Amino acid sequence: MIAVSRERGEQEAVTFWQYVLACLDKLGYEGMSDEEGGEEILYRRDGTAKSNPVKHVLLLYWRHPSFRSLFQRVDETHGIEDEIFKHQNRPKVPRIRVDVQSKRGPPKHLQVAFFRQEYLDSLYSHEREELFLSEKHFQLFDYELPAAA
């Protein structure tokens, strides 16, 4: 996406995708949301129902709230950039964010900025020490999605 954005002369998009990559690099696999399989019931005009598979993206309470909207924006890019992301003969399973908390704890050695302050405040001192928090500065940006009309 960085290369495509550069080709298009979209500096704001280049900056966005560089930020996404930096966040993904820092969070690593352990910092990503858990998913659970589910289904979404769609009702047709004739009143019949159809069940479609979905992935429920669970909430990581420890993670700074700005990441939820950031990664939602990344997920929604697939719909915008179909010429770049190919599904390789498999339908894309929609990812739906739910307000169910994951039990996954945070990875170690993250910068303090990656955490929800309320989570850090709730830890005992030995729990906080076990995270080996990095005091290196990392500037978070809030890429809030516009409200649905």
Protein backbone atom coordinates (compact mmCIF):
# COMPACT_ATOMS: atom_id res chain seq x y z
CA MET A 1 0.00 0.00 0.00
CA ILE A 2 2.91 2.35 0.62
CA ALA A 3 4.19 1.86 -2.92
CA VAL A 4 0.71 2.32 -4.42
CA SER A 5 0.16 5.47 -2.36
CA ARG A 6 3.54 6.85 -3.48
CA GLU A 7 2.69 6.12 -7.12
CA ARG A 8 -0.56 8.03 -6.69
CA GLY A 9 1.22 10.94 -5.01
CA GLU A 10 -0.85 10.49 -1.83
CA GLN A 11 1.60 11.55 0.89
CA GLU A 12 -1.05 11.38 3.62
CA ALA A 13 -1.73 7.74 2.70
CA VAL A 14 2.01 6.97 2.67
CA THR A 15 2.29 8.37 6.20
CA PHE A 16 -0.75 6.35 7.31
CA TRP A 17 0.58 3.05 5.95
CA GLN A 18 4.05 3.68 7.40
CA TYR A 19 2.37 4.22 10.78
CA VAL A 20 0.35 0.99 10.39
CA LEU A 21 3.51 -0.98 9.62
CA ALA A 22 5.34 0.54 12.61
CA CYS A 23 2.43 -0.39 14.91
CA LEU A 24 2.21 -3.93 13.54
CA ASP A 25 5.95 -4.34 13.94
CA LYS A 26 5.86 -3.20 17.57
CA LEU A 27 2.71 -5.15 18.53
CA GLY A 28 3.74 -8.37 16.79
CA TYR A 29 1.48 -11.40 16.64
CA GLU A 30 0.84 -11.36 20.39
CA GLY A 31 -0.52 -7.82 20.17
CA MET A 32 -3.16 -8.65 17.58
CA SER A 33 -6.81 -9.22 18.40
CA ASP A 34 -8.20 -12.71 18.87
CA GLU A 35 -10.93 -13.82 16.50
CA GLU A 36 -13.79 -16.23 16.96
CA GLY A 37 -15.81 -17.80 14.21
CA GLY A 38 -19.43 -16.79 14.05
CA GLU A 39 -22.28 -16.26 11.68
CA GLU A 40 -24.36 -13.36 10.54
CA ILE A 41 -27.99 -13.85 9.61
CA LEU A 42 -29.12 -11.85 6.60
CA TYR A 43 -32.78 -11.53 5.74
CA ARG A 44 -33.83 -11.36 2.12
CA ARG A 45 -36.72 -9.27 0.83
CA ASP A 46 -38.89 -12.37 0.64
CA GLY A 47 -38.41 -12.93 4.39
CA THR A 48 -36.10 -15.93 4.12
CA ALA A 49 -32.86 -15.95 6.07
CA LYS A 50 -29.33 -16.74 4.96
CA SER A 51 -26.41 -17.46 7.28
CA ASN A 52 -22.97 -16.13 6.36
CA PRO A 53 -19.72 -16.93 8.18
CA VAL A 54 -18.01 -14.02 9.96
CA LYS A 55 -15.04 -13.53 12.25
CA HIS A 56 -15.77 -11.78 15.54
CA VAL A 57 -12.81 -9.60 16.47
CA LEU A 58 -12.47 -9.54 20.24
CA LEU A 59 -11.49 -6.52 22.29
CA LEU A 60 -8.02 -6.44 23.86
CA TYR A 61 -8.70 -4.40 26.96
CA TRP A 62 -5.02 -3.68 27.64
CA ARG A 63 -4.41 -2.17 24.20
CA HIS A 64 -4.75 1.58 23.65
CA PRO A 65 -8.26 2.34 22.27
CA SER A 66 -6.89 4.06 19.14
CA PHE A 67 -5.83 0.69 17.72
CA ARG A 68 -9.42 -0.50 17.38
CA SER A 69 -10.34 2.19 14.86
CA LEU A 70 -6.91 1.99 13.19
CA PHE A 71 -7.21 -1.72 12.45
CA GLN A 72 -10.85 -1.36 11.45
CA ARG A 73 -9.72 1.17 8.87
CA VAL A 74 -7.07 -1.27 7.66
CA ASP A 75 -9.66 -4.08 7.38
CA GLU A 76 -12.00 -1.83 5.40
CA THR A 77 -9.23 -0.99 2.94
CA HIS A 78 -9.73 -4.40 1.33
CA GLY A 79 -13.13 -3.22 0.11
CA ILE A 80 -11.67 0.01 -1.26
CA GLU A 81 -8.54 -1.41 -2.86
CA ASP A 82 -9.80 -4.53 -4.66
CA GLU A 83 -7.29 -4.02 -7.45
CA ILE A 84 -4.46 -4.53 -4.95
CA PHE A 85 -5.80 -7.21 -2.59
CA LYS A 86 -6.75 -10.38 -4.43
CA HIS A 87 -8.83 -12.99 -2.60
CA GLN A 88 -7.39 -15.97 -4.52
CA ASN A 89 -10.73 -17.66 -5.28
CA ARG A 90 -11.89 -17.53 -1.65
CA PRO A 91 -14.60 -15.18 -0.49
CA LYS A 92 -13.38 -12.75 2.15
CA VAL A 93 -14.89 -13.52 5.55
CA PRO A 94 -16.09 -10.25 7.10
CA ARG A 95 -14.46 -9.23 10.39
CA ILE A 96 -16.93 -7.74 12.86
CA ARG A 97 -15.69 -6.02 16.00
CA VAL A 98 -17.55 -7.11 19.11
CA ASP A 99 -17.40 -5.82 22.68
CA VAL A 100 -16.29 -9.18 24.05
CA GLN A 101 -12.95 -9.05 25.83
CA SER A 102 -10.19 -11.41 24.83
CA LYS A 103 -8.37 -13.19 27.62
CA ARG A 104 -5.03 -12.68 25.83
CA GLY A 105 -2.57 -10.66 27.86
CA PRO A 106 -0.15 -8.14 26.42
CA PRO A 107 3.25 -8.97 24.97
CA LYS A 108 6.34 -7.91 26.87
CA HIS A 109 8.67 -5.01 25.98
CA LEU A 110 6.02 -2.73 24.46
CA GLN A 111 6.19 1.02 24.81
CA VAL A 112 3.90 2.47 27.46
CA ALA A 113 2.00 4.35 24.74
CA PHE A 114 0.57 1.07 23.41
CA PHE A 115 -1.42 0.50 26.59
CA ARG A 116 -4.77 1.72 27.81
CA GLN A 117 -3.94 3.88 30.82
CA GLU A 118 -6.72 2.30 32.91
CA TYR A 119 -5.15 -1.10 32.34
CA LEU A 120 -1.73 0.05 33.50
CA ASP A 121 -3.28 1.77 36.50
CA SER A 122 -5.01 -1.48 37.50
CA LEU A 123 -1.78 -3.51 37.68
CA TYR A 124 0.11 -4.30 40.83
CA SER A 125 3.73 -3.15 40.71
CA HIS A 126 5.06 -6.70 40.19
CA GLU A 127 2.62 -7.25 37.28
CA ARG A 128 3.79 -4.03 35.65
CA GLU A 129 7.44 -5.02 36.15
CA GLU A 130 6.77 -8.40 34.47
CA LEU A 131 5.77 -6.54 31.27
CA PHE A 132 9.27 -5.02 30.94
CA LEU A 133 7.70 -1.83 29.59
CA SER A 134 9.81 0.28 27.30
CA GLU A 135 9.94 3.98 28.09
CA LYS A 136 10.95 4.80 24.49
CA HIS A 137 8.66 7.39 22.99
CA PHE A 138 6.15 6.23 20.39
CA GLN A 139 3.69 8.76 19.01
CA LEU A 140 0.18 7.34 18.66
CA PHE A 141 -2.25 8.82 16.16
CA ASP A 142 -6.00 8.44 16.32
CA TYR A 143 -7.35 7.47 12.91
CA GLU A 144 -10.97 7.60 14.03
CA LEU A 145 -13.45 6.41 11.46
CA PRO A 146 -16.29 8.74 10.52
CA ALA A 147 -19.62 7.86 12.08
CA ALA A 148 -21.91 5.75 9.90
CA ALA A 149 -24.66 7.77 8.27
